[in-house]
Amino acid sequence: MRSRSLHVRAKAHPVRRLLALFVLALGLWFLGFIWFFLTMPQERPFPTDRSLGGIVVFTGSAGRIQAGVSALEAGLGDRLLVSGVNAALAPSVIRSAIEGDQGLVTCCIDLGKAAQNTEGNAKEAIQWAQQHGYDEIMIITADWHMRRSLVELSRHTHSLTIHAAPVKGHVSVSRLALEYSKYLAACLRAGLE
């Protein structure tokens, strides 16, 4: 009888360990999420003292493209790449939806349609910058998306100086939690490489 109760306890012991590990992992994830939320990159005025060469917008939430056009109009770069544009849309439709100086829109805005996700945005941005001979580029994306964007850029070989220009975004807690999990996965991939 006693040996049977020891056997039952021995079986329960690994289950308790797994449960404890799960609770610990969940607690660490939650503390990291709080850090992620509280230290999100803040939107700040663009530096106006010099041109950075290229400006790249990672498409997504509202305000990103207009921030890129404003930076271009302010002379912070001589070209703008809008990365991750829906391939089904005609360039004329997209350009007509972009507010700003239409001469500038026609001459100096490139539409990147190859990117399907943030990693694709990073690859497209690096390739575009290299094609144009830029040493420095400004990356514009939502504040909650900036950290993962920078990690994805760091995963690919380049000699570019990256200037982050986060745009204030409005995001639900569930979307922010998903973004934090994607950020952790990107950091893990970067660490393994």
N, C-alpha and C. Protein backbone atom coordinates (compact mmCIF):
# COMPACT_ATOMS: atom_id res chain seq x y z
N MET A 1 0.83 -1.20 0.00
CA MET A 1 0.00 0.00 0.00
C MET A 1 0.87 1.26 0.00
N ARG A 2 1.92 1.22 0.84
CA ARG A 2 2.80 2.37 0.94
C ARG A 2 3.56 2.59 -0.37
N SER A 3 4.02 1.51 -0.99
CA SER A 3 4.75 1.65 -2.26
C SER A 3 3.84 2.19 -3.35
N ARG A 4 2.57 1.86 -3.29
CA ARG A 4 1.62 2.38 -4.29
C ARG A 4 1.46 3.89 -4.16
N SER A 5 1.35 4.41 -2.92
CA SER A 5 1.21 5.85 -2.72
C SER A 5 2.47 6.59 -3.13
N LEU A 6 3.65 5.96 -2.93
CA LEU A 6 4.89 6.57 -3.40
C LEU A 6 4.92 6.65 -4.92
N HIS A 7 4.40 5.62 -5.57
CA HIS A 7 4.34 5.59 -7.03
C HIS A 7 3.43 6.70 -7.57
N VAL A 8 2.28 6.90 -6.91
CA VAL A 8 1.34 7.96 -7.31
C VAL A 8 1.99 9.32 -7.13
N ARG A 9 2.72 9.53 -5.99
CA ARG A 9 3.41 10.79 -5.76
C ARG A 9 4.51 11.03 -6.79
N ALA A 10 5.19 9.97 -7.16
CA ALA A 10 6.25 10.09 -8.16
C ALA A 10 5.69 10.52 -9.51
N LYS A 11 4.50 10.04 -9.85
CA LYS A 11 3.86 10.45 -11.10
C LYS A 11 3.42 11.91 -11.04
N ALA A 12 2.90 12.33 -9.90
CA ALA A 12 2.40 13.70 -9.75
C ALA A 12 3.54 14.71 -9.75
N HIS A 13 4.71 14.31 -9.32
CA HIS A 13 5.85 15.22 -9.20
C HIS A 13 6.23 15.87 -10.54
N PRO A 14 6.39 15.12 -11.64
CA PRO A 14 6.70 15.77 -12.92
C PRO A 14 5.59 16.71 -13.39
N VAL A 15 4.35 16.37 -13.10
CA VAL A 15 3.23 17.24 -13.49
C VAL A 15 3.32 18.56 -12.74
N ARG A 16 3.64 18.49 -11.45
CA ARG A 16 3.80 19.73 -10.67
C ARG A 16 4.96 20.56 -11.19
N ARG A 17 6.03 19.91 -11.58
CA ARG A 17 7.18 20.64 -12.13
C ARG A 17 6.81 21.35 -13.43
N LEU A 18 6.12 20.63 -14.27
CA LEU A 18 5.68 21.25 -15.53
C LEU A 18 4.75 22.42 -15.28
N LEU A 19 3.84 22.26 -14.33
CA LEU A 19 2.92 23.34 -13.99
C LEU A 19 3.68 24.54 -13.43
N ALA A 20 4.67 24.29 -12.57
CA ALA A 20 5.47 25.36 -12.00
C ALA A 20 6.27 26.08 -13.09
N LEU A 21 6.83 25.32 -14.03
CA LEU A 21 7.56 25.94 -15.14
C LEU A 21 6.65 26.79 -16.01
N PHE A 22 5.44 26.29 -16.24
CA PHE A 22 4.47 27.04 -17.04
C PHE A 22 4.10 28.35 -16.35
N VAL A 23 3.84 28.29 -15.04
CA VAL A 23 3.48 29.49 -14.28
C VAL A 23 4.65 30.47 -14.27
N LEU A 24 5.88 29.97 -14.11
CA LEU A 24 7.07 30.82 -14.14
C LEU A 24 7.21 31.50 -15.50
N ALA A 25 7.07 30.71 -16.58
CA ALA A 25 7.19 31.27 -17.94
C ALA A 25 6.12 32.33 -18.18
N LEU A 26 4.91 32.05 -17.74
CA LEU A 26 3.81 33.01 -17.91
C LEU A 26 4.10 34.29 -17.12
N GLY A 27 4.62 34.15 -15.91
CA GLY A 27 4.97 35.32 -15.10
C GLY A 27 6.07 36.15 -15.74
N LEU A 28 7.09 35.48 -16.29
CA LEU A 28 8.17 36.20 -16.97
C LEU A 28 7.66 36.90 -18.23
N TRP A 29 6.78 36.21 -18.97
CA TRP A 29 6.20 36.81 -20.17
C TRP A 29 5.42 38.07 -19.78
N PHE A 30 4.64 37.97 -18.70
CA PHE A 30 3.82 39.10 -18.27
C PHE A 30 4.70 40.28 -17.84
N LEU A 31 5.77 40.02 -17.06
CA LEU A 31 6.67 41.10 -16.65
C LEU A 31 7.34 41.74 -17.87
N GLY A 32 7.74 40.91 -18.83
CA GLY A 32 8.33 41.44 -20.07
C GLY A 32 7.33 42.28 -20.84
N PHE A 33 6.07 41.85 -20.86
CA PHE A 33 5.04 42.60 -21.55
C PHE A 33 4.84 43.98 -20.92
N ILE A 34 4.87 44.03 -19.60
CA ILE A 34 4.74 45.32 -18.90
C ILE A 34 5.91 46.23 -19.30
N TRP A 35 7.15 45.67 -19.31
CA TRP A 35 8.31 46.44 -19.75
C TRP A 35 8.13 46.93 -21.18
N PHE A 36 7.66 46.04 -22.07
CA PHE A 36 7.46 46.36 -23.48
C PHE A 36 6.50 47.54 -23.63
N PHE A 37 5.42 47.52 -22.84
CA PHE A 37 4.42 48.57 -22.89
C PHE A 37 4.94 49.89 -22.34
N LEU A 38 5.60 49.83 -21.19
CA LEU A 38 6.04 51.05 -20.51
C LEU A 38 7.22 51.74 -21.20
N THR A 39 7.99 51.01 -21.96
CA THR A 39 9.19 51.58 -22.59
C THR A 39 9.06 51.64 -24.12
N MET A 40 7.83 51.70 -24.61
CA MET A 40 7.65 51.80 -26.05
C MET A 40 8.34 53.05 -26.59
N PRO A 41 8.99 52.94 -27.77
CA PRO A 41 9.64 54.13 -28.35
C PRO A 41 8.61 55.26 -28.52
N GLN A 42 9.02 56.46 -28.19
CA GLN A 42 8.12 57.61 -28.23
C GLN A 42 8.29 58.40 -29.52
N GLU A 43 7.16 58.88 -30.03
CA GLU A 43 7.19 59.76 -31.20
C GLU A 43 7.86 61.07 -30.79
N ARG A 44 8.75 61.55 -31.64
CA ARG A 44 9.43 62.81 -31.37
C ARG A 44 9.61 63.56 -32.69
N PRO A 45 9.86 64.87 -32.62
CA PRO A 45 10.03 65.63 -33.86
C PRO A 45 11.20 65.08 -34.68
N PHE A 46 11.05 65.13 -35.99
CA PHE A 46 12.12 64.70 -36.88
C PHE A 46 13.31 65.64 -36.73
N PRO A 47 14.53 65.10 -36.81
CA PRO A 47 15.70 66.00 -36.84
C PRO A 47 15.70 66.75 -38.16
N THR A 48 15.88 68.05 -38.13
CA THR A 48 15.80 68.82 -39.37
C THR A 48 17.15 69.40 -39.79
N ASP A 49 18.22 68.99 -39.11
CA ASP A 49 19.51 69.59 -39.41
C ASP A 49 20.20 69.01 -40.63
N ARG A 50 19.79 67.82 -41.10
CA ARG A 50 20.46 67.24 -42.26
C ARG A 50 19.57 66.19 -42.91
N SER A 51 19.90 65.87 -44.16
CA SER A 51 19.18 64.84 -44.90
C SER A 51 19.82 63.49 -44.59
N LEU A 52 18.99 62.49 -44.41
CA LEU A 52 19.48 61.15 -44.10
C LEU A 52 19.61 60.29 -45.35
N GLY A 53 19.21 60.79 -46.49
CA GLY A 53 19.24 59.99 -47.71
C GLY A 53 17.88 59.38 -47.98
N GLY A 54 17.64 58.19 -47.45
CA GLY A 54 16.39 57.49 -47.72
C GLY A 54 15.46 57.45 -46.52
N ILE A 55 14.18 57.46 -46.82
CA ILE A 55 13.13 57.34 -45.80
C ILE A 55 12.31 56.11 -46.17
N VAL A 56 12.07 55.25 -45.20
CA VAL A 56 11.31 54.02 -45.46
C VAL A 56 10.14 53.95 -44.48
N VAL A 57 8.95 53.72 -45.03
CA VAL A 57 7.76 53.52 -44.22
C VAL A 57 7.35 52.06 -44.32
N PHE A 58 7.19 51.41 -43.17
CA PHE A 58 6.62 50.06 -43.13
C PHE A 58 5.10 50.25 -43.01
N THR A 59 4.36 49.80 -44.02
CA THR A 59 2.91 50.04 -44.04
C THR A 59 2.22 49.30 -42.90
N GLY A 60 1.04 49.76 -42.60
CA GLY A 60 0.25 49.16 -41.52
C GLY A 60 -0.77 50.17 -41.03
N SER A 61 -0.65 50.53 -39.77
CA SER A 61 -1.64 51.40 -39.14
C SER A 61 -1.57 52.84 -39.68
N ALA A 62 -2.61 53.58 -39.37
CA ALA A 62 -2.77 54.94 -39.86
C ALA A 62 -1.65 55.86 -39.41
N GLY A 63 -1.35 56.84 -40.25
CA GLY A 63 -0.39 57.88 -39.91
C GLY A 63 1.02 57.62 -40.38
N ARG A 64 1.35 56.38 -40.72
CA ARG A 64 2.72 56.06 -41.10
C ARG A 64 3.10 56.70 -42.43
N ILE A 65 2.28 56.49 -43.45
CA ILE A 65 2.62 57.01 -44.79
C ILE A 65 2.67 58.53 -44.77
N GLN A 66 1.70 59.16 -44.10
CA GLN A 66 1.69 60.62 -44.05
C GLN A 66 2.92 61.15 -43.32
N ALA A 67 3.37 60.44 -42.28
CA ALA A 67 4.59 60.85 -41.58
C ALA A 67 5.79 60.76 -42.53
N GLY A 68 5.82 59.72 -43.36
CA GLY A 68 6.89 59.58 -44.34
C GLY A 68 6.88 60.69 -45.37
N VAL A 69 5.70 61.03 -45.86
CA VAL A 69 5.57 62.12 -46.85
C VAL A 69 5.99 63.45 -46.21
N SER A 70 5.59 63.67 -44.96
CA SER A 70 5.98 64.90 -44.25
C SER A 70 7.49 64.99 -44.10
N ALA A 71 8.13 63.86 -43.79
CA ALA A 71 9.60 63.84 -43.65
C ALA A 71 10.26 64.13 -44.99
N LEU A 72 9.70 63.60 -46.07
CA LEU A 72 10.22 63.84 -47.42
C LEU A 72 10.06 65.32 -47.78
N GLU A 73 8.89 65.87 -47.50
CA GLU A 73 8.63 67.29 -47.79
C GLU A 73 9.53 68.20 -46.98
N ALA A 74 9.90 67.77 -45.78
CA ALA A 74 10.78 68.57 -44.92
C ALA A 74 12.25 68.46 -45.33
N GLY A 75 12.54 67.64 -46.33
CA GLY A 75 13.90 67.51 -46.82
C GLY A 75 14.78 66.57 -46.00
N LEU A 76 14.15 65.69 -45.23
CA LEU A 76 14.93 64.77 -44.40
C LEU A 76 15.49 63.59 -45.20
N GLY A 77 15.08 63.48 -46.43
CA GLY A 77 15.58 62.46 -47.34
C GLY A 77 15.24 62.89 -48.74
N ASP A 78 15.88 62.25 -49.74
CA ASP A 78 15.54 62.64 -51.11
C ASP A 78 14.64 61.62 -51.80
N ARG A 79 14.42 60.46 -51.16
CA ARG A 79 13.48 59.46 -51.68
C ARG A 79 12.77 58.79 -50.52
N LEU A 80 11.59 58.29 -50.82
CA LEU A 80 10.77 57.58 -49.83
C LEU A 80 10.34 56.24 -50.41
N LEU A 81 10.55 55.19 -49.63
CA LEU A 81 10.02 53.87 -49.99
C LEU A 81 8.86 53.56 -49.07
N VAL A 82 7.71 53.23 -49.67
CA VAL A 82 6.58 52.72 -48.90
C VAL A 82 6.62 51.21 -49.09
N SER A 83 7.03 50.50 -48.06
CA SER A 83 7.24 49.05 -48.13
C SER A 83 6.00 48.30 -47.67
N GLY A 84 5.69 47.23 -48.40
CA GLY A 84 4.55 46.40 -48.02
C GLY A 84 3.24 46.85 -48.61
N VAL A 85 3.30 47.49 -49.77
CA VAL A 85 2.09 47.97 -50.44
C VAL A 85 1.33 46.78 -51.02
N ASN A 86 0.02 46.83 -50.93
CA ASN A 86 -0.83 45.77 -51.48
C ASN A 86 -0.56 45.64 -52.98
N ALA A 87 -0.11 44.47 -53.40
CA ALA A 87 0.27 44.25 -54.80
C ALA A 87 -0.91 44.37 -55.76
N ALA A 88 -2.13 44.21 -55.25
CA ALA A 88 -3.30 44.27 -56.12
C ALA A 88 -3.69 45.70 -56.49
N LEU A 89 -3.17 46.68 -55.76
CA LEU A 89 -3.53 48.07 -56.04
C LEU A 89 -2.61 48.67 -57.09
N ALA A 90 -3.20 49.41 -57.99
CA ALA A 90 -2.42 50.09 -59.03
C ALA A 90 -1.63 51.24 -58.40
N PRO A 91 -0.40 51.48 -58.86
CA PRO A 91 0.39 52.59 -58.32
C PRO A 91 -0.33 53.93 -58.39
N SER A 92 -1.10 54.16 -59.45
CA SER A 92 -1.81 55.44 -59.58
C SER A 92 -2.85 55.61 -58.47
N VAL A 93 -3.50 54.52 -58.07
CA VAL A 93 -4.49 54.58 -56.99
C VAL A 93 -3.81 54.92 -55.67
N ILE A 94 -2.68 54.29 -55.42
CA ILE A 94 -1.96 54.53 -54.17
C ILE A 94 -1.42 55.95 -54.14
N ARG A 95 -0.81 56.38 -55.24
CA ARG A 95 -0.23 57.74 -55.27
C ARG A 95 -1.31 58.81 -55.12
N SER A 96 -2.50 58.57 -55.69
CA SER A 96 -3.56 59.57 -55.57
C SER A 96 -4.08 59.65 -54.14
N ALA A 97 -3.93 58.57 -53.38
CA ALA A 97 -4.39 58.57 -51.99
C ALA A 97 -3.38 59.23 -51.04
N ILE A 98 -2.14 59.42 -51.52
CA ILE A 98 -1.11 60.03 -50.68
C ILE A 98 -1.26 61.54 -50.75
N GLU A 99 -1.45 62.13 -49.58
CA GLU A 99 -1.58 63.58 -49.52
C GLU A 99 -0.20 64.23 -49.58
N GLY A 100 -0.15 65.36 -50.20
CA GLY A 100 1.12 66.09 -50.28
C GLY A 100 1.36 66.60 -51.68
N ASP A 101 2.51 67.17 -51.87
CA ASP A 101 2.93 67.72 -53.15
C ASP A 101 2.97 66.60 -54.19
N GLN A 102 2.07 66.66 -55.18
CA GLN A 102 1.97 65.57 -56.16
C GLN A 102 3.21 65.45 -57.04
N GLY A 103 3.94 66.56 -57.23
CA GLY A 103 5.20 66.49 -57.97
C GLY A 103 6.21 65.64 -57.21
N LEU A 104 6.24 65.82 -55.91
CA LEU A 104 7.12 65.03 -55.05
C LEU A 104 6.68 63.57 -55.02
N VAL A 105 5.38 63.38 -54.97
CA VAL A 105 4.82 62.02 -54.97
C VAL A 105 5.22 61.28 -56.24
N THR A 106 5.16 61.96 -57.38
CA THR A 106 5.48 61.34 -58.66
C THR A 106 6.97 61.05 -58.81
N CYS A 107 7.80 61.98 -58.39
CA CYS A 107 9.25 61.83 -58.64
C CYS A 107 9.98 61.02 -57.59
N CYS A 108 9.53 61.05 -56.36
CA CYS A 108 10.41 60.62 -55.28
C CYS A 108 9.86 59.56 -54.34
N ILE A 109 8.71 58.98 -54.67
CA ILE A 109 8.14 57.94 -53.81
C ILE A 109 8.10 56.62 -54.56
N ASP A 110 8.76 55.62 -53.98
CA ASP A 110 8.77 54.28 -54.54
C ASP A 110 7.82 53.40 -53.75
N LEU A 111 7.11 52.53 -54.46
CA LEU A 111 6.16 51.63 -53.82
C LEU A 111 6.72 50.22 -53.85
N GLY A 112 7.00 49.67 -52.67
CA GLY A 112 7.52 48.31 -52.56
C GLY A 112 6.39 47.33 -52.34
N LYS A 113 6.26 46.37 -53.25
CA LYS A 113 5.14 45.42 -53.17
C LYS A 113 5.58 44.00 -52.83
N ALA A 114 6.87 43.81 -52.57
CA ALA A 114 7.37 42.45 -52.33
C ALA A 114 7.12 41.98 -50.90
N ALA A 115 7.11 42.88 -49.94
CA ALA A 115 7.03 42.51 -48.52
C ALA A 115 5.63 42.04 -48.14
N GLN A 116 5.60 40.91 -47.45
CA GLN A 116 4.34 40.36 -46.93
C GLN A 116 4.25 40.49 -45.42
N ASN A 117 5.38 40.79 -44.76
CA ASN A 117 5.43 40.86 -43.30
C ASN A 117 6.60 41.77 -42.90
N THR A 118 6.86 41.86 -41.60
CA THR A 118 7.90 42.76 -41.12
C THR A 118 9.28 42.34 -41.59
N GLU A 119 9.55 41.05 -41.59
CA GLU A 119 10.85 40.59 -42.10
C GLU A 119 11.00 40.98 -43.58
N GLY A 120 9.93 40.83 -44.35
CA GLY A 120 9.95 41.24 -45.75
C GLY A 120 10.17 42.74 -45.89
N ASN A 121 9.55 43.53 -45.00
CA ASN A 121 9.79 44.99 -45.00
C ASN A 121 11.27 45.28 -44.80
N ALA A 122 11.89 44.58 -43.86
CA ALA A 122 13.31 44.81 -43.56
C ALA A 122 14.18 44.49 -44.77
N LYS A 123 13.93 43.35 -45.40
CA LYS A 123 14.71 42.96 -46.58
C LYS A 123 14.52 43.97 -47.71
N GLU A 124 13.26 44.36 -47.93
CA GLU A 124 12.95 45.31 -49.00
C GLU A 124 13.63 46.66 -48.74
N ALA A 125 13.61 47.12 -47.48
CA ALA A 125 14.23 48.40 -47.12
C ALA A 125 15.73 48.37 -47.36
N ILE A 126 16.37 47.29 -46.95
CA ILE A 126 17.83 47.18 -47.11
C ILE A 126 18.20 47.15 -48.58
N GLN A 127 17.48 46.34 -49.35
CA GLN A 127 17.78 46.23 -50.79
C GLN A 127 17.58 47.58 -51.48
N TRP A 128 16.50 48.26 -51.17
CA TRP A 128 16.20 49.57 -51.77
C TRP A 128 17.29 50.58 -51.42
N ALA A 129 17.69 50.60 -50.15
CA ALA A 129 18.73 51.55 -49.71
C ALA A 129 20.04 51.27 -50.43
N GLN A 130 20.39 50.00 -50.58
CA GLN A 130 21.63 49.65 -51.26
C GLN A 130 21.58 50.02 -52.74
N GLN A 131 20.42 49.82 -53.38
CA GLN A 131 20.26 50.18 -54.79
C GLN A 131 20.46 51.68 -55.01
N HIS A 132 20.05 52.47 -54.03
CA HIS A 132 20.15 53.93 -54.15
C HIS A 132 21.44 54.49 -53.54
N GLY A 133 22.27 53.63 -53.00
CA GLY A 133 23.55 54.07 -52.45
C GLY A 133 23.45 54.84 -51.14
N TYR A 134 22.42 54.56 -50.35
CA TYR A 134 22.26 55.26 -49.07
C TYR A 134 23.09 54.59 -47.97
N ASP A 135 23.70 55.42 -47.13
CA ASP A 135 24.41 54.92 -45.94
C ASP A 135 23.52 54.98 -44.71
N GLU A 136 22.54 55.89 -44.75
CA GLU A 136 21.63 56.10 -43.63
C GLU A 136 20.19 56.12 -44.13
N ILE A 137 19.32 55.51 -43.36
CA ILE A 137 17.89 55.58 -43.69
C ILE A 137 17.09 55.82 -42.41
N MET A 138 15.96 56.45 -42.60
CA MET A 138 15.01 56.64 -41.51
C MET A 138 13.90 55.60 -41.68
N ILE A 139 13.61 54.89 -40.61
CA ILE A 139 12.52 53.91 -40.62
C ILE A 139 11.34 54.50 -39.88
N ILE A 140 10.21 54.53 -40.54
CA ILE A 140 8.98 55.04 -39.94
C ILE A 140 7.98 53.90 -39.84
N THR A 141 7.53 53.64 -38.62
CA THR A 141 6.48 52.66 -38.37
C THR A 141 5.82 53.04 -37.05
N ALA A 142 4.81 52.29 -36.65
CA ALA A 142 4.11 52.60 -35.40
C ALA A 142 5.02 52.37 -34.20
N ASP A 143 4.80 53.12 -33.14
CA ASP A 143 5.62 52.99 -31.93
C ASP A 143 5.63 51.56 -31.41
N TRP A 144 4.47 50.90 -31.42
CA TRP A 144 4.39 49.54 -30.89
C TRP A 144 5.04 48.51 -31.81
N HIS A 145 5.31 48.88 -33.06
CA HIS A 145 5.89 47.98 -34.06
C HIS A 145 7.39 48.22 -34.27
N MET A 146 7.92 49.32 -33.71
CA MET A 146 9.28 49.73 -34.00
C MET A 146 10.33 48.74 -33.51
N ARG A 147 10.18 48.23 -32.30
CA ARG A 147 11.20 47.32 -31.75
C ARG A 147 11.40 46.10 -32.64
N ARG A 148 10.31 45.47 -33.04
CA ARG A 148 10.43 44.27 -33.87
C ARG A 148 11.00 44.63 -35.24
N SER A 149 10.63 45.79 -35.77
CA SER A 149 11.16 46.23 -37.05
C SER A 149 12.68 46.36 -36.99
N LEU A 150 13.19 46.94 -35.92
CA LEU A 150 14.63 47.11 -35.77
C LEU A 150 15.34 45.76 -35.59
N VAL A 151 14.71 44.83 -34.88
CA VAL A 151 15.30 43.49 -34.74
C VAL A 151 15.37 42.81 -36.11
N GLU A 152 14.29 42.92 -36.88
CA GLU A 152 14.28 42.28 -38.21
C GLU A 152 15.34 42.92 -39.12
N LEU A 153 15.52 44.22 -39.04
CA LEU A 153 16.57 44.88 -39.82
C LEU A 153 17.95 44.39 -39.40
N SER A 154 18.14 44.16 -38.11
CA SER A 154 19.45 43.73 -37.60
C SER A 154 19.78 42.29 -38.00
N ARG A 155 18.78 41.51 -38.37
CA ARG A 155 19.00 40.11 -38.73
C ARG A 155 19.63 39.95 -40.10
N HIS A 156 19.63 41.00 -40.90
CA HIS A 156 20.13 40.90 -42.27
C HIS A 156 21.38 41.75 -42.44
N THR A 157 22.31 41.26 -43.21
CA THR A 157 23.60 41.93 -43.38
C THR A 157 23.44 43.25 -44.12
N HIS A 158 23.93 44.30 -43.51
CA HIS A 158 23.96 45.62 -44.14
C HIS A 158 24.89 46.51 -43.34
N SER A 159 25.28 47.61 -43.94
CA SER A 159 26.15 48.56 -43.23
C SER A 159 25.43 49.89 -43.05
N LEU A 160 24.12 49.86 -43.06
CA LEU A 160 23.32 51.07 -42.95
C LEU A 160 23.25 51.58 -41.51
N THR A 161 23.18 52.88 -41.37
CA THR A 161 22.83 53.48 -40.09
C THR A 161 21.31 53.68 -40.13
N ILE A 162 20.64 53.12 -39.13
CA ILE A 162 19.18 53.17 -39.09
C ILE A 162 18.74 54.20 -38.05
N HIS A 163 17.86 55.11 -38.47
CA HIS A 163 17.28 56.10 -37.56
C HIS A 163 15.81 55.75 -37.39
N ALA A 164 15.41 55.48 -36.16
CA ALA A 164 14.01 55.10 -35.88
C ALA A 164 13.16 56.35 -35.70
N ALA A 165 12.02 56.36 -36.38
CA ALA A 165 11.07 57.47 -36.25
C ALA A 165 9.68 56.88 -35.99
N PRO A 166 9.42 56.53 -34.72
CA PRO A 166 8.12 55.92 -34.41
C PRO A 166 6.97 56.92 -34.53
N VAL A 167 5.84 56.41 -34.99
CA VAL A 167 4.62 57.20 -35.10
C VAL A 167 3.66 56.68 -34.03
N LYS A 168 3.05 57.59 -33.30
CA LYS A 168 2.11 57.19 -32.25
C LYS A 168 0.99 56.37 -32.86
N GLY A 169 0.82 55.17 -32.35
CA GLY A 169 -0.22 54.28 -32.87
C GLY A 169 -1.24 53.95 -31.79
N HIS A 170 -2.42 53.63 -32.21
CA HIS A 170 -3.47 53.21 -31.28
C HIS A 170 -3.65 51.71 -31.48
N VAL A 171 -3.45 50.96 -30.41
CA VAL A 171 -3.46 49.50 -30.52
C VAL A 171 -4.16 48.93 -29.29
N SER A 172 -4.90 47.86 -29.51
CA SER A 172 -5.59 47.19 -28.40
C SER A 172 -4.57 46.40 -27.57
N VAL A 173 -4.95 46.07 -26.35
CA VAL A 173 -4.06 45.29 -25.48
C VAL A 173 -3.78 43.92 -26.10
N SER A 174 -4.79 43.31 -26.71
CA SER A 174 -4.58 41.98 -27.31
C SER A 174 -3.62 42.07 -28.50
N ARG A 175 -3.74 43.12 -29.30
CA ARG A 175 -2.82 43.29 -30.43
C ARG A 175 -1.40 43.58 -29.95
N LEU A 176 -1.29 44.36 -28.86
CA LEU A 176 0.02 44.66 -28.29
C LEU A 176 0.65 43.39 -27.71
N ALA A 177 -0.16 42.54 -27.08
CA ALA A 177 0.35 41.27 -26.55
C ALA A 177 0.84 40.38 -27.68
N LEU A 178 0.11 40.35 -28.79
CA LEU A 178 0.54 39.57 -29.95
C LEU A 178 1.85 40.13 -30.50
N GLU A 179 1.96 41.46 -30.58
CA GLU A 179 3.18 42.10 -31.08
C GLU A 179 4.37 41.77 -30.17
N TYR A 180 4.14 41.79 -28.86
CA TYR A 180 5.21 41.44 -27.92
C TYR A 180 5.68 40.00 -28.14
N SER A 181 4.75 39.10 -28.34
CA SER A 181 5.11 37.70 -28.60
C SER A 181 5.90 37.57 -29.91
N LYS A 182 5.50 38.32 -30.94
CA LYS A 182 6.24 38.32 -32.21
C LYS A 182 7.63 38.92 -32.03
N TYR A 183 7.72 39.94 -31.20
CA TYR A 183 9.01 40.56 -30.90
C TYR A 183 9.94 39.54 -30.23
N LEU A 184 9.42 38.79 -29.26
CA LEU A 184 10.23 37.75 -28.59
C LEU A 184 10.70 36.71 -29.59
N ALA A 185 9.81 36.30 -30.49
CA ALA A 185 10.18 35.31 -31.51
C ALA A 185 11.27 35.86 -32.43
N ALA A 186 11.16 37.13 -32.81
CA ALA A 186 12.18 37.75 -33.67
C ALA A 186 13.51 37.83 -32.94
N CYS A 187 13.48 38.16 -31.65
CA CYS A 187 14.73 38.20 -30.85
C CYS A 187 15.34 36.82 -30.76
N LEU A 188 14.51 35.80 -30.59
CA LEU A 188 15.02 34.43 -30.52
C LEU A 188 15.66 34.02 -31.83
N ARG A 189 15.00 34.34 -32.96
CA ARG A 189 15.59 34.03 -34.28
C ARG A 189 16.91 34.76 -34.47
N ALA A 190 16.94 36.04 -34.07
CA ALA A 190 18.17 36.82 -34.20
C ALA A 190 19.28 36.23 -33.34
N GLY A 191 18.94 35.79 -32.14
CA GLY A 191 19.92 35.21 -31.24
C GLY A 191 20.46 33.87 -31.77
N LEU A 192 19.60 33.09 -32.38
CA LEU A 192 20.03 31.79 -32.91
C LEU A 192 20.89 31.95 -34.15
N GLU A 193 20.74 33.06 -34.87
CA GLU A 193 21.54 33.29 -36.06
C GLU A 193 22.89 33.83 -35.70
